[in-house]
Amino acid sequence: MTQLSDGAATLTVRIDDRVLTAVPDYVLGVLAVALVEVVPAPPAVSALLTAAEDALHGAGLDKAGVADLPGIAAWREAYRAVGVNPNRFPCAAESITRRVAKGDRLPRINALVDLCNAVSLGAALPVASCAVDGLTDLVVRPADGTETYLPLGVPDAPERPEPGEVVYADADGRAHSRRWNWRQGHLIRTDLGPHALLLTVESAHPGGRAEVVDALARLDDALAEMSAGPRQAAVLDRDATSAVLRTAGPLSPAGSNGRSRP
């Protein structure tokens, strides 16, 4: 891993200029968590997710209503701009919002996945938790078609992203998503146990930066109540396309405040 002078490992996150040319309003918020023990969701996180689901249940949105939410509508246009049909491949936020709007509840996975789902439902933006143990770089870029993607839950069935498809990729030729944020890869899944994590919040509409910053703050506040190590946030866009984030550090007691907000 890349090392800081004090020995802390780092992860460089970057947006490729070609992505910003296609979608100029793209904003990527990131929150690096140096170390957290991922556990089944505590009551506070479960309550956040249930409240977000209840709010959607009460909104009475149909499929078209979900697609018209500003954050999701912008993602549908962003997908079209990079050659992806959003009706066939809805972004992550649209997928879970549709499901809940029909009256369903999301499966409870663990504290971090459930937290991201709660914030995603509330913001109508894609929010994800990525285990980045061992990663030194991650770039949002068009695929060249040679990358290897291991589907979540079926890593023995590798895929090749289509050339030009936007993916999260590393320097070792691995793609960690398909069709931008439609599907996450197996290698960065967040499961139980200690992990270095990168939480992501993405917007594609004018003025989305403020909503990304607000979602990052909600994530950070919730993590302050967990056994989370030092946390560092950054917001990337066309004015600041990269950030170097700490991804190693001591495990801190629950409720500690090791935050660094953008």
Protein backbone atom coordinates (compact mmCIF):
# COMPACT_ATOMS: atom_id res chain seq x y z
CA MET A 1 0.00 0.00 0.00
CA THR A 2 0.97 3.61 -0.38
CA GLN A 3 2.30 4.90 2.93
CA LEU A 4 2.07 8.26 4.66
CA SER A 5 5.07 9.43 6.67
CA ASP A 6 3.49 8.13 9.87
CA GLY A 7 3.01 4.66 8.36
CA ALA A 8 -0.71 4.94 7.61
CA ALA A 9 -1.83 3.25 4.41
CA THR A 10 -3.67 5.34 1.82
CA LEU A 11 -6.08 4.95 -1.06
CA THR A 12 -6.12 7.31 -4.03
CA VAL A 13 -9.61 7.84 -5.48
CA ARG A 14 -10.00 9.57 -8.83
CA ILE A 15 -12.59 10.46 -11.48
CA ASP A 16 -11.44 10.07 -15.08
CA ASP A 17 -11.88 13.20 -17.19
CA ARG A 18 -13.84 11.22 -19.79
CA VAL A 19 -16.56 10.55 -17.23
CA LEU A 20 -16.84 14.24 -16.40
CA THR A 21 -16.97 15.12 -20.08
CA ALA A 22 -19.99 12.84 -20.50
CA VAL A 23 -21.65 13.86 -17.21
CA PRO A 24 -20.32 17.29 -16.18
CA ASP A 25 -22.43 17.49 -13.00
CA TYR A 26 -21.12 14.20 -11.60
CA VAL A 27 -20.13 14.45 -7.93
CA LEU A 28 -18.52 11.63 -5.95
CA GLY A 29 -18.49 11.94 -2.17
CA VAL A 30 -16.21 9.53 -0.32
CA LEU A 31 -15.80 8.70 3.35
CA ALA A 32 -12.79 6.56 4.20
CA VAL A 33 -13.02 4.56 7.42
CA ALA A 34 -9.59 3.38 8.48
CA LEU A 35 -10.94 0.45 10.47
CA VAL A 36 -14.38 -0.63 11.58
CA GLU A 37 -15.74 -3.87 12.97
CA VAL A 38 -18.73 -4.64 10.75
CA VAL A 39 -21.45 -6.20 12.89
CA PRO A 40 -25.14 -7.01 12.52
CA ALA A 41 -27.09 -3.75 12.48
CA PRO A 42 -27.48 -2.13 15.92
CA PRO A 43 -30.92 -0.80 16.89
CA ALA A 44 -30.07 2.77 15.84
CA VAL A 45 -29.20 1.71 12.28
CA SER A 46 -32.22 -0.56 12.03
CA ALA A 47 -34.39 2.34 13.12
CA LEU A 48 -32.88 4.60 10.44
CA LEU A 49 -33.59 2.07 7.70
CA THR A 50 -37.11 1.38 8.94
CA ALA A 51 -37.87 5.12 9.08
CA ALA A 52 -36.59 5.60 5.52
CA GLU A 53 -38.75 2.70 4.31
CA ASP A 54 -41.79 4.01 6.16
CA ALA A 55 -41.37 7.44 4.57
CA LEU A 56 -41.34 5.90 1.10
CA HIS A 57 -44.31 3.68 1.90
CA GLY A 58 -46.23 6.81 2.82
CA ALA A 59 -45.18 8.75 -0.28
CA GLY A 60 -47.33 6.66 -2.61
CA LEU A 61 -44.82 6.65 -5.46
CA ASP A 62 -45.28 4.35 -8.42
CA LYS A 63 -42.48 3.30 -10.77
CA ALA A 64 -42.79 6.52 -12.77
CA GLY A 65 -42.81 8.58 -9.58
CA VAL A 66 -39.57 6.99 -8.45
CA ALA A 67 -37.97 7.68 -11.83
CA ASP A 68 -39.02 11.34 -11.54
CA LEU A 69 -37.25 11.96 -8.22
CA PRO A 70 -34.60 14.60 -9.07
CA GLY A 71 -31.58 12.58 -8.03
CA ILE A 72 -32.76 9.44 -9.77
CA ALA A 73 -33.98 11.26 -12.89
CA ALA A 74 -30.49 12.75 -13.27
CA TRP A 75 -28.93 9.32 -12.97
CA ARG A 76 -31.21 8.02 -15.70
CA GLU A 77 -29.90 10.79 -17.96
CA ALA A 78 -26.31 10.10 -16.88
CA TYR A 79 -26.69 6.44 -17.81
CA ARG A 80 -28.04 7.41 -21.22
CA ALA A 81 -25.08 9.76 -21.68
CA VAL A 82 -22.66 6.84 -21.30
CA GLY A 83 -24.67 4.43 -23.43
CA VAL A 84 -26.58 2.49 -20.74
CA ASN A 85 -30.34 1.90 -20.86
CA PRO A 86 -31.65 2.91 -17.40
CA ASN A 87 -34.86 0.94 -17.91
CA ARG A 88 -32.85 -2.25 -18.19
CA PHE A 89 -30.08 -1.26 -15.78
CA PRO A 90 -31.43 1.18 -13.16
CA CYS A 91 -28.88 2.79 -10.88
CA ALA A 92 -28.49 1.37 -7.38
CA ALA A 93 -30.65 4.05 -5.78
CA GLU A 94 -33.50 3.52 -8.23
CA SER A 95 -33.41 -0.24 -7.71
CA ILE A 96 -33.86 -0.12 -3.94
CA THR A 97 -36.28 2.83 -4.04
CA ARG A 98 -38.54 1.03 -6.51
CA ARG A 99 -38.55 -2.04 -4.30
CA VAL A 100 -39.49 -0.14 -1.17
CA ALA A 101 -42.02 2.11 -2.94
CA LYS A 102 -43.98 -1.05 -3.84
CA GLY A 103 -44.43 -1.71 -0.14
CA ASP A 104 -41.52 -4.09 0.41
CA ARG A 105 -38.73 -3.83 2.95
CA LEU A 106 -35.08 -4.35 2.17
CA PRO A 107 -33.21 -7.39 3.47
CA ARG A 108 -31.18 -6.63 6.58
CA ILE A 109 -27.52 -7.40 5.82
CA ASN A 110 -25.26 -5.76 8.38
CA ALA A 111 -24.64 -2.41 10.06
CA LEU A 112 -22.81 -0.77 7.15
CA VAL A 113 -24.94 -2.05 4.27
CA ASP A 114 -28.14 -1.22 6.14
CA LEU A 115 -26.83 2.25 6.99
CA CYS A 116 -25.96 2.95 3.35
CA ASN A 117 -29.38 1.75 2.24
CA ALA A 118 -31.08 4.03 4.77
CA VAL A 119 -29.13 7.08 3.60
CA SER A 120 -29.66 6.15 -0.06
CA LEU A 121 -33.43 5.90 0.38
CA GLY A 122 -33.53 9.25 2.15
CA ALA A 123 -31.37 11.07 -0.39
CA ALA A 124 -32.50 9.23 -3.55
CA LEU A 125 -28.82 8.90 -4.44
CA PRO A 126 -26.58 5.85 -4.85
CA VAL A 127 -24.76 5.13 -1.58
CA ALA A 128 -22.42 2.17 -1.18
CA SER A 129 -20.02 0.58 1.28
CA CYS A 130 -16.84 -0.81 -0.26
CA ALA A 131 -14.28 -2.91 1.59
CA VAL A 132 -10.95 -1.55 0.34
CA ASP A 133 -8.55 -3.70 2.36
CA GLY A 134 -5.38 -3.94 0.26
CA LEU A 135 -6.48 -1.46 -2.42
CA THR A 136 -4.21 1.50 -3.16
CA ASP A 137 -6.13 3.14 -5.99
CA LEU A 138 -9.67 3.32 -7.35
CA VAL A 139 -10.75 5.27 -10.41
CA VAL A 140 -14.18 5.85 -11.94
CA ARG A 141 -13.47 5.45 -15.65
CA PRO A 142 -14.65 3.94 -18.91
CA ALA A 143 -13.67 0.28 -19.17
CA ASP A 144 -11.39 -0.85 -21.98
CA GLY A 145 -12.96 -4.32 -22.01
CA THR A 146 -9.99 -6.20 -20.55
CA GLU A 147 -10.92 -5.75 -16.89
CA THR A 148 -12.05 -8.66 -14.75
CA TYR A 149 -15.24 -8.26 -12.75
CA LEU A 150 -16.30 -10.85 -10.17
CA PRO A 151 -20.09 -10.69 -9.64
CA LEU A 152 -21.31 -10.27 -6.08
CA GLY A 153 -21.98 -13.68 -4.60
CA VAL A 154 -20.69 -15.60 -7.64
CA PRO A 155 -16.95 -14.84 -7.87
CA ASP A 156 -16.34 -18.04 -9.83
CA ALA A 157 -18.22 -16.58 -12.82
CA PRO A 158 -15.99 -13.67 -13.91
CA GLU A 159 -17.22 -11.13 -16.45
CA ARG A 160 -15.64 -8.57 -18.76
CA PRO A 161 -17.20 -5.09 -18.71
CA GLU A 162 -18.08 -3.76 -22.14
CA PRO A 163 -15.61 -1.29 -23.66
CA GLY A 164 -16.66 2.23 -22.68
CA GLU A 165 -18.81 1.06 -19.78
CA VAL A 166 -18.17 3.20 -16.68
CA VAL A 167 -16.71 1.16 -13.83
CA TYR A 168 -14.82 1.53 -10.59
CA ALA A 169 -11.43 0.01 -11.45
CA ASP A 170 -8.02 -0.46 -9.88
CA ALA A 171 -4.51 -0.52 -11.31
CA ASP A 172 -4.48 -4.33 -11.39
CA GLY A 173 -7.11 -4.49 -14.12
CA ARG A 174 -9.99 -5.39 -11.84
CA ALA A 175 -13.42 -3.78 -12.19
CA HIS A 176 -15.29 -3.45 -8.92
CA SER A 177 -18.64 -2.41 -10.39
CA ARG A 178 -20.72 -2.85 -13.53
CA ARG A 179 -22.45 -0.02 -15.38
CA TRP A 180 -21.18 2.63 -12.98
CA ASN A 181 -23.15 1.87 -9.81
CA TRP A 182 -25.70 -0.65 -11.09
CA ARG A 183 -23.90 -3.60 -9.47
CA GLN A 184 -21.06 -3.86 -6.94
CA GLY A 185 -18.31 -6.45 -7.29
CA HIS A 186 -17.59 -9.37 -4.98
CA LEU A 187 -14.08 -8.28 -4.03
CA ILE A 188 -15.22 -5.07 -2.33
CA ARG A 189 -18.36 -6.43 -0.66
CA THR A 190 -18.84 -5.42 2.97
CA ASP A 191 -19.26 -8.48 5.15
CA LEU A 192 -18.92 -9.04 8.88
CA GLY A 193 -15.56 -8.50 10.58
CA PRO A 194 -12.88 -5.79 10.64
CA HIS A 195 -12.45 -3.83 7.41
CA ALA A 196 -11.06 -0.67 5.93
CA LEU A 197 -14.03 0.86 4.14
CA LEU A 198 -14.77 3.47 1.53
CA LEU A 199 -18.34 4.75 1.63
CA THR A 200 -19.48 6.47 -1.56
CA VAL A 201 -22.30 8.88 -2.36
CA GLU A 202 -22.89 9.91 -5.98
CA SER A 203 -25.00 12.58 -7.66
CA ALA A 204 -25.41 13.59 -11.29
CA HIS A 205 -27.66 16.66 -11.14
CA PRO A 206 -26.89 20.38 -10.88
CA GLY A 207 -26.64 21.36 -7.23
CA GLY A 208 -26.10 17.76 -6.17
CA ARG A 209 -22.91 18.55 -4.28
CA ALA A 210 -24.85 19.91 -1.28
CA GLU A 211 -26.93 16.73 -1.11
CA VAL A 212 -23.79 14.60 -1.31
CA VAL A 213 -22.19 16.55 1.54
CA ASP A 214 -25.35 16.14 3.63
CA ALA A 215 -25.44 12.38 2.99
CA LEU A 216 -21.76 12.06 3.93
CA ALA A 217 -22.49 13.87 7.19
CA ARG A 218 -25.34 11.45 7.96
CA LEU A 219 -23.02 8.51 7.36
CA ASP A 220 -20.29 10.03 9.49
CA ASP A 221 -22.65 10.79 12.37
CA ALA A 222 -23.88 7.19 12.40
CA LEU A 223 -20.33 5.83 12.27
CA ALA A 224 -19.42 7.97 15.27
CA GLU A 225 -21.70 5.70 17.29
CA MET A 226 -19.96 2.52 16.08
CA SER A 227 -16.48 1.11 16.67
CA ALA A 228 -15.00 3.12 13.84
CA GLY A 229 -11.40 4.19 13.40
CA PRO A 230 -10.33 7.56 11.96
CA ARG A 231 -12.58 8.80 9.17
CA GLN A 232 -11.77 11.17 6.33
CA ALA A 233 -14.23 12.63 3.84
CA ALA A 234 -13.70 14.24 0.45
CA VAL A 235 -15.92 15.41 -2.40
CA LEU A 236 -14.72 14.94 -5.96
CA ASP A 237 -16.06 16.74 -9.03
CA ARG A 238 -14.79 18.52 -12.13
CA ASP A 239 -12.94 21.04 -9.93
CA ALA A 240 -11.23 18.42 -7.75
CA THR A 241 -10.93 15.06 -9.46
CA SER A 242 -8.84 13.09 -6.94
CA ALA A 243 -8.20 12.59 -3.24
CA VAL A 244 -5.76 10.60 -1.13
CA LEU A 245 -7.44 8.99 1.86
CA ARG A 246 -6.18 7.10 4.89
CA THR A 247 -7.29 3.48 4.91
CA ALA A 248 -5.45 2.09 7.95
CA GLY A 249 -5.42 3.00 11.59
CA PRO A 250 -6.21 1.73 15.09
CA LEU A 251 -9.68 0.52 15.97
CA SER A 252 -11.28 3.23 18.10
CA PRO A 253 -13.86 2.80 20.85
CA ALA A 254 -17.50 3.20 19.89
CA GLY A 255 -18.58 6.82 19.97
CA SER A 256 -15.10 8.22 19.30
CA ASN A 257 -14.85 11.19 16.98
CA GLY A 258 -12.04 10.68 14.51
CA ARG A 259 -13.75 12.51 11.69
CA SER A 260 -12.43 14.83 9.03
CA ARG A 261 -15.25 16.30 6.95
CA PRO A 262 -14.97 18.05 3.58
